[in-house]
Protein backbone atom coordinates (compact mmCIF):
# COMPACT_ATOMS: atom_id res chain seq x y z
CA MET A 1 -45.96 -26.76 -38.59
CA SER A 2 -48.88 -25.69 -40.84
CA THR A 3 -48.97 -22.41 -42.81
CA PRO A 4 -52.34 -20.84 -42.69
CA GLN A 5 -52.68 -17.71 -44.63
CA GLY A 6 -49.11 -17.78 -45.78
CA ILE A 7 -47.23 -17.78 -42.46
CA PRO A 8 -46.17 -20.62 -40.30
CA SER A 9 -48.58 -21.60 -37.46
CA VAL A 10 -47.08 -22.95 -34.06
CA ASP A 11 -48.95 -24.23 -30.98
CA LEU A 12 -47.76 -22.80 -27.53
CA SER A 13 -49.44 -25.76 -25.78
CA ASP A 14 -46.54 -27.84 -27.42
CA PHE A 15 -43.95 -25.67 -25.61
CA VAL A 16 -45.56 -25.69 -22.21
CA SER A 17 -47.05 -29.20 -22.28
CA GLY A 18 -44.28 -31.05 -20.17
CA ASP A 19 -43.56 -33.30 -23.23
CA GLU A 20 -39.92 -32.95 -24.26
CA ASN A 21 -40.46 -34.04 -27.85
CA ARG A 22 -43.38 -31.63 -28.41
CA LYS A 23 -41.29 -28.85 -26.64
CA LYS A 24 -38.24 -29.40 -28.97
CA GLN A 25 -40.40 -29.57 -32.13
CA PHE A 26 -41.98 -26.25 -31.12
CA ILE A 27 -38.56 -24.61 -30.64
CA ALA A 28 -37.22 -26.08 -34.02
CA ASP A 29 -40.41 -24.74 -35.89
CA LEU A 30 -40.16 -21.33 -34.32
CA GLY A 31 -36.53 -20.91 -35.02
CA LYS A 32 -37.15 -22.03 -38.69
CA ALA A 33 -39.78 -19.61 -39.22
CA TYR A 34 -38.00 -16.78 -37.68
CA GLU A 35 -34.94 -17.34 -39.75
CA GLU A 36 -36.80 -17.64 -42.86
CA ILE A 37 -39.69 -15.00 -42.53
CA GLY A 38 -39.72 -13.51 -39.19
CA PHE A 39 -43.39 -14.07 -38.37
CA VAL A 40 -45.52 -16.96 -37.05
CA ALA A 41 -49.25 -17.38 -36.37
CA LEU A 42 -49.54 -18.63 -32.50
CA LYS A 43 -52.42 -20.75 -31.24
CA ASN A 44 -53.39 -21.74 -27.69
CA HIS A 45 -51.72 -18.24 -26.54
CA GLN A 46 -52.73 -16.81 -23.04
CA VAL A 47 -55.08 -14.12 -24.19
CA SER A 48 -58.71 -15.16 -23.95
CA LYS A 49 -61.27 -14.20 -26.81
CA GLU A 50 -63.53 -12.75 -24.06
CA LEU A 51 -60.63 -10.24 -23.17
CA ILE A 52 -59.87 -9.62 -26.91
CA ASP A 53 -63.48 -8.71 -27.39
CA THR A 54 -63.52 -6.58 -24.56
CA VAL A 55 -60.43 -4.45 -25.27
CA TYR A 56 -61.56 -4.01 -28.87
CA ASP A 57 -64.99 -2.70 -27.79
CA TYR A 58 -63.31 -0.21 -25.50
CA ASN A 59 -60.90 0.94 -28.18
CA ALA A 60 -63.66 1.54 -30.58
CA ARG A 61 -65.34 3.54 -27.82
CA PHE A 62 -62.31 5.77 -27.02
CA PHE A 63 -61.42 6.59 -30.67
CA ALA A 64 -65.03 7.40 -31.58
CA LEU A 65 -64.67 10.45 -28.72
CA PRO A 66 -64.72 13.77 -30.08
CA LYS A 67 -61.33 15.01 -31.23
CA ASP A 68 -61.13 17.83 -28.51
CA ILE A 69 -61.74 15.09 -25.78
CA LYS A 70 -59.01 12.66 -27.29
CA LYS A 71 -56.50 15.65 -27.44
CA LYS A 72 -56.72 16.07 -23.63
CA TYR A 73 -54.79 12.81 -23.35
CA GLU A 74 -52.04 13.69 -25.76
CA ILE A 75 -49.02 14.33 -23.67
CA ALA A 76 -46.30 15.99 -25.76
CA GLU A 77 -43.48 16.02 -23.14
CA ILE A 78 -43.44 12.26 -23.05
CA ALA A 79 -43.08 11.72 -26.57
CA GLY A 80 -46.25 9.79 -27.07
CA GLN A 81 -45.08 7.01 -24.49
CA ARG A 82 -48.48 6.83 -22.83
CA GLY A 83 -51.87 8.18 -23.86
CA TYR A 84 -52.98 9.21 -26.99
CA THR A 85 -51.08 10.06 -30.37
CA SER A 86 -53.15 12.01 -32.97
CA PHE A 87 -53.83 11.16 -36.61
CA GLY A 88 -50.88 11.36 -38.91
CA LYS A 89 -48.10 12.23 -36.26
CA GLU A 90 -46.06 8.98 -36.75
CA HIS A 91 -44.33 8.04 -39.82
CA ALA A 92 -42.23 5.04 -40.99
CA LYS A 93 -38.35 5.46 -41.01
CA GLY A 94 -37.12 7.34 -43.91
CA LYS A 95 -40.44 8.57 -44.85
CA THR A 96 -41.92 12.00 -44.34
CA ALA A 97 -45.83 11.43 -44.83
CA GLY A 98 -47.50 10.61 -41.79
CA ASP A 99 -49.26 7.41 -41.29
CA LEU A 100 -52.99 7.36 -41.65
CA LYS A 101 -53.77 6.35 -37.99
CA GLU A 102 -54.24 7.53 -34.46
CA PHE A 103 -53.42 5.30 -31.53
CA TRP A 104 -53.25 4.96 -27.67
CA HIS A 105 -50.32 3.67 -25.46
CA PHE A 106 -50.50 1.60 -22.41
CA GLY A 107 -47.04 1.22 -20.66
CA GLN A 108 -45.72 -1.04 -18.09
CA PHE A 109 -47.48 -1.68 -14.70
CA VAL A 110 -44.76 -1.87 -12.07
CA ASP A 111 -45.65 -3.08 -8.56
CA ASP A 112 -42.57 -4.58 -7.31
CA ASP A 113 -39.82 -2.00 -8.04
CA PRO A 114 -40.26 1.60 -6.90
CA GLN A 115 -37.12 2.81 -8.60
CA ARG A 116 -38.15 1.17 -11.97
CA LYS A 117 -41.73 2.55 -11.67
CA ALA A 118 -40.24 6.12 -11.04
CA SER A 119 -38.42 5.86 -14.37
CA TYR A 120 -41.56 5.34 -16.48
CA PRO A 121 -44.34 7.61 -17.36
CA ASP A 122 -47.56 6.91 -15.61
CA ASN A 123 -50.55 5.39 -17.56
CA VAL A 124 -53.22 7.72 -18.41
CA PRO A 125 -56.75 7.17 -17.11
CA VAL A 126 -59.55 8.31 -19.43
CA GLU A 127 -62.33 10.13 -17.54
CA GLU A 128 -64.75 9.32 -20.02
CA LEU A 129 -64.16 5.57 -19.88
CA PRO A 130 -63.20 4.75 -16.41
CA GLU A 131 -62.69 1.03 -17.08
CA TYR A 132 -60.38 1.55 -20.15
CA LEU A 133 -57.32 1.37 -17.93
CA SER A 134 -58.10 -1.88 -16.11
CA VAL A 135 -58.87 -3.56 -19.47
CA GLY A 136 -55.74 -2.39 -21.04
CA LYS A 137 -53.73 -3.60 -17.80
CA LYS A 138 -55.23 -7.17 -18.33
CA THR A 139 -54.60 -7.31 -21.88
CA TYR A 140 -51.10 -5.97 -21.54
CA GLN A 141 -50.20 -8.45 -18.85
CA ALA A 142 -51.75 -11.48 -20.69
CA LEU A 143 -49.68 -10.60 -23.80
CA GLU A 144 -46.50 -10.03 -21.78
CA SER A 145 -46.90 -13.40 -20.26
CA THR A 146 -47.33 -14.99 -23.71
CA GLY A 147 -44.34 -13.04 -25.06
CA THR A 148 -42.03 -14.28 -22.32
CA LYS A 149 -42.77 -17.82 -23.18
CA MET A 150 -42.06 -17.24 -26.72
CA LEU A 151 -38.65 -15.61 -25.61
CA GLN A 152 -38.00 -18.63 -23.64
CA ALA A 153 -38.40 -20.82 -26.71
CA ILE A 154 -36.17 -18.52 -28.69
CA ALA A 155 -33.33 -18.52 -26.01
CA LEU A 156 -33.30 -22.35 -26.40
CA TYR A 157 -33.14 -22.19 -30.07
CA LEU A 158 -30.21 -19.80 -29.65
CA GLY A 159 -28.37 -22.27 -27.23
CA LEU A 160 -29.04 -20.02 -24.40
CA ASP A 161 -30.30 -20.73 -20.93
CA GLU A 162 -34.04 -20.96 -21.33
CA PHE A 163 -34.69 -17.92 -18.95
CA TYR A 164 -32.13 -15.88 -20.32
CA PHE A 165 -34.63 -13.01 -21.32
CA ASP A 166 -36.76 -13.12 -18.29
CA LYS A 167 -34.85 -10.75 -16.08
CA TYR A 168 -34.59 -8.27 -19.10
CA VAL A 169 -38.48 -8.33 -20.08
CA HIS A 170 -39.70 -8.34 -16.40
CA ASN A 171 -40.75 -4.72 -15.90
CA GLY A 172 -39.48 -3.95 -19.37
CA ASN A 173 -40.49 -0.85 -21.40
CA SER A 174 -43.19 -2.78 -23.44
CA ILE A 175 -45.93 -0.73 -24.88
CA LEU A 176 -49.55 -1.99 -25.86
CA ARG A 177 -50.85 0.07 -28.81
CA PRO A 178 -54.65 0.04 -29.66
CA ILE A 179 -54.69 1.56 -33.13
CA HIS A 180 -57.50 3.16 -35.18
CA TYR A 181 -57.12 3.53 -38.85
CA PRO A 182 -59.99 5.90 -39.76
CA PRO A 183 -61.78 5.72 -43.19
CA VAL A 184 -59.58 6.75 -45.97
CA GLU A 185 -60.85 10.08 -47.50
CA THR A 186 -59.30 9.67 -50.97
CA LEU A 187 -57.31 7.13 -52.98
CA LYS A 188 -55.08 9.75 -54.33
CA THR A 189 -52.69 10.06 -51.46
CA ASP A 190 -49.06 9.10 -50.75
CA ALA A 191 -49.76 8.29 -47.25
CA VAL A 192 -50.68 4.69 -46.34
CA ARG A 193 -52.23 3.38 -43.11
CA ALA A 194 -48.73 2.17 -41.92
CA GLY A 195 -45.72 2.67 -44.28
CA GLU A 196 -43.37 -0.20 -44.76
CA HIS A 197 -41.24 -0.76 -41.55
CA GLU A 198 -39.46 -3.29 -39.16
CA ASP A 199 -40.49 -3.08 -35.50
CA ILE A 200 -38.02 -1.57 -33.12
CA ASN A 201 -38.61 -4.01 -30.24
CA LEU A 202 -37.58 -7.75 -29.40
CA ILE A 203 -40.92 -9.48 -30.52
CA THR A 204 -44.32 -8.04 -31.54
CA LEU A 205 -47.67 -9.78 -30.61
CA LEU A 206 -50.53 -8.76 -32.72
CA VAL A 207 -53.92 -9.44 -31.54
CA GLY A 208 -55.93 -9.87 -34.56
CA ALA A 209 -57.40 -7.00 -36.59
CA SER A 210 -60.76 -5.77 -37.62
CA ALA A 211 -59.91 -5.71 -41.35
CA ASP A 212 -57.39 -6.86 -43.84
CA GLY A 213 -54.30 -4.82 -44.83
CA LEU A 214 -51.37 -6.18 -43.06
CA GLN A 215 -48.71 -7.53 -45.51
CA VAL A 216 -45.17 -8.78 -45.09
CA LEU A 217 -42.26 -8.83 -47.49
CA ASN A 218 -40.82 -12.27 -48.25
CA LYS A 219 -37.32 -13.16 -49.26
CA GLN A 220 -38.38 -13.13 -52.87
CA GLY A 221 -39.27 -9.47 -52.53
CA GLU A 222 -42.93 -10.20 -52.83
CA TRP A 223 -45.67 -8.56 -50.68
CA LYS A 224 -47.72 -11.28 -49.03
CA SER A 225 -51.11 -10.41 -47.33
CA VAL A 226 -51.49 -11.88 -43.70
CA THR A 227 -55.23 -12.13 -42.92
CA ALA A 228 -56.64 -12.45 -39.38
CA ILE A 229 -56.48 -16.33 -38.42
CA GLU A 230 -59.06 -17.44 -36.03
CA ASP A 231 -57.76 -18.33 -32.37
CA HIS A 232 -54.17 -17.22 -33.44
CA ILE A 233 -52.13 -14.08 -32.64
CA VAL A 234 -49.29 -13.14 -35.06
CA VAL A 235 -45.84 -12.71 -33.31
CA ASN A 236 -42.85 -11.43 -35.38
CA VAL A 237 -39.22 -10.52 -34.66
CA GLY A 238 -38.23 -7.04 -34.09
CA ASP A 239 -34.95 -5.07 -34.86
CA MET A 240 -33.64 -5.46 -31.35
CA LEU A 241 -33.74 -9.34 -31.60
CA GLN A 242 -32.26 -9.22 -35.06
CA ARG A 243 -29.42 -7.12 -33.87
CA LEU A 244 -28.83 -9.32 -30.75
CA THR A 245 -28.76 -12.50 -32.85
CA ASN A 246 -26.43 -10.83 -35.49
CA ASN A 247 -29.11 -11.30 -38.26
CA LYS A 248 -29.63 -14.87 -37.42
CA LEU A 249 -33.34 -14.12 -36.64
CA ARG A 250 -34.80 -11.74 -39.19
CA SER A 251 -36.92 -8.66 -38.66
CA THR A 252 -39.39 -8.70 -41.41
CA THR A 253 -40.51 -5.64 -43.33
CA HIS A 254 -44.34 -5.30 -43.02
CA ARG A 255 -47.01 -2.50 -43.79
CA VAL A 256 -50.50 -1.85 -43.59
CA ILE A 257 -51.99 -0.90 -46.91
CA ASN A 258 -54.89 1.34 -47.73
CA PRO A 259 -58.15 -0.49 -48.36
CA PRO A 260 -59.70 -1.04 -51.85
CA ALA A 261 -62.18 1.64 -53.14
CA GLU A 262 -65.25 -0.36 -51.94
CA ASN A 263 -64.02 -0.32 -48.34
CA MET A 264 -62.60 3.39 -48.00
CA GLY A 265 -65.34 4.40 -45.80
CA THR A 266 -64.70 1.89 -43.09
CA SER A 267 -62.20 1.97 -39.96
CA ARG A 268 -59.71 -0.60 -39.32
CA TYR A 269 -58.50 -1.40 -35.53
CA SER A 270 -55.57 -3.55 -34.43
CA ILE A 271 -53.74 -4.04 -31.18
CA PRO A 272 -50.07 -4.83 -31.37
CA PHE A 273 -47.88 -5.42 -28.19
CA PHE A 274 -44.27 -4.29 -28.56
CA LEU A 275 -42.38 -6.28 -26.32
CA HIS A 276 -39.37 -4.37 -24.99
CA PRO A 277 -36.67 -5.06 -22.36
CA VAL A 278 -35.52 -2.95 -19.60
CA SER A 279 -33.50 -0.04 -21.02
CA GLU A 280 -30.07 -1.19 -19.61
CA MET A 281 -30.11 -4.68 -21.45
CA PRO A 282 -27.03 -4.89 -23.76
CA LEU A 283 -28.17 -5.57 -27.56
CA ASN A 284 -24.40 -6.54 -28.16
CA CYS A 285 -24.43 -9.44 -30.80
CA LEU A 286 -24.48 -12.65 -28.91
CA ALA A 287 -21.24 -14.63 -28.97
CA GLU A 288 -23.24 -17.74 -29.95
CA THR A 289 -24.19 -16.06 -33.38
CA ILE A 290 -20.77 -14.90 -34.31
CA ASP A 291 -18.39 -17.05 -36.34
CA GLU A 292 -15.99 -16.83 -39.29
CA ASN A 293 -18.93 -17.01 -41.69
CA HIS A 294 -21.21 -14.65 -39.73
CA PRO A 295 -18.85 -11.72 -38.39
CA LYS A 296 -20.35 -9.14 -36.05
CA GLN A 297 -22.71 -7.09 -37.92
CA TYR A 298 -23.65 -4.29 -35.30
CA ASP A 299 -21.88 -2.02 -32.88
CA ASP A 300 -22.74 -2.46 -29.07
CA ILE A 301 -25.58 -0.54 -27.78
CA SER A 302 -27.98 -0.52 -24.99
CA ALA A 303 -31.62 -1.07 -25.53
CA GLY A 304 -32.55 2.14 -24.00
CA ASP A 305 -30.20 4.14 -26.27
CA TYR A 306 -31.25 2.24 -29.42
CA LEU A 307 -34.93 2.98 -28.71
CA THR A 308 -34.22 6.72 -28.37
CA GLU A 309 -32.49 6.79 -31.71
CA ARG A 310 -35.41 4.97 -33.36
CA LEU A 311 -38.12 7.16 -31.72
CA ILE A 312 -36.53 10.27 -33.31
CA GLU A 313 -36.32 8.56 -36.68
CA ILE A 314 -40.04 7.92 -36.75
CA GLY A 315 -40.93 11.45 -35.50
CA LEU A 316 -42.24 10.56 -31.92
CA LYS A 317 -39.28 12.17 -30.21
């Protein structure tokens, strides 16, 4: 397990190779990284460079649209679950200053469960960019497939059945979030591109970024920069998985800092995929993670109720 740019690197081809020794080593390396820092860089994932380049191109084209056009796609009654969220609306938990970003949400594409489909808001087509929705769907499903493999490895590391998570993440409430961080107008601001936070979900898969800025907080209390690593995506633990594993796997605090003065006039784009389960999944601490030295740390709660709590805390609901 190498450590490019300060976080461990793992190779998904080891897990799916059919070679039991390679598979076991991948599981061990992944578990160690998630216990120690909560982040890995993943290579040989299932998202092609061509698709990544295409979705980044469409994201830039959407965010370049006039403000009044983008506002057509901001749907207040669904708390930002689909479509556009305007600049500065979201903030980190415990903060009041809005983050210096605007973003779009693609949600689940359900085609085999009418009842589940009816429980989710519809994805939002963009009249000015008719192909944006289909490109988003392809990206969403490629990342969902990769994330499901990662959760299979995590399940084995925890002593669970390999496919423990599959039934919970199939048609789950996952979100693909293309983000635009516009040029920063002044260095004299309390707001940052993304305030320090932990992700809500099980795991997050981050497809590159057009500029530096992502930092993670290590066990020594030091902020470490994570730069884009060629042919890798970054995959980190979220609070739902930390809660489920009774703090065995750690949800790492991270942020996106403002650019230095010489780069203030440039935009930054990134595309995180927040892998969520279905709302009825119990996040009760797993029995496998509780013992005399590790007492239960969290009250029982469902994924849906926990998500609602957190959306209220960050200003989206």
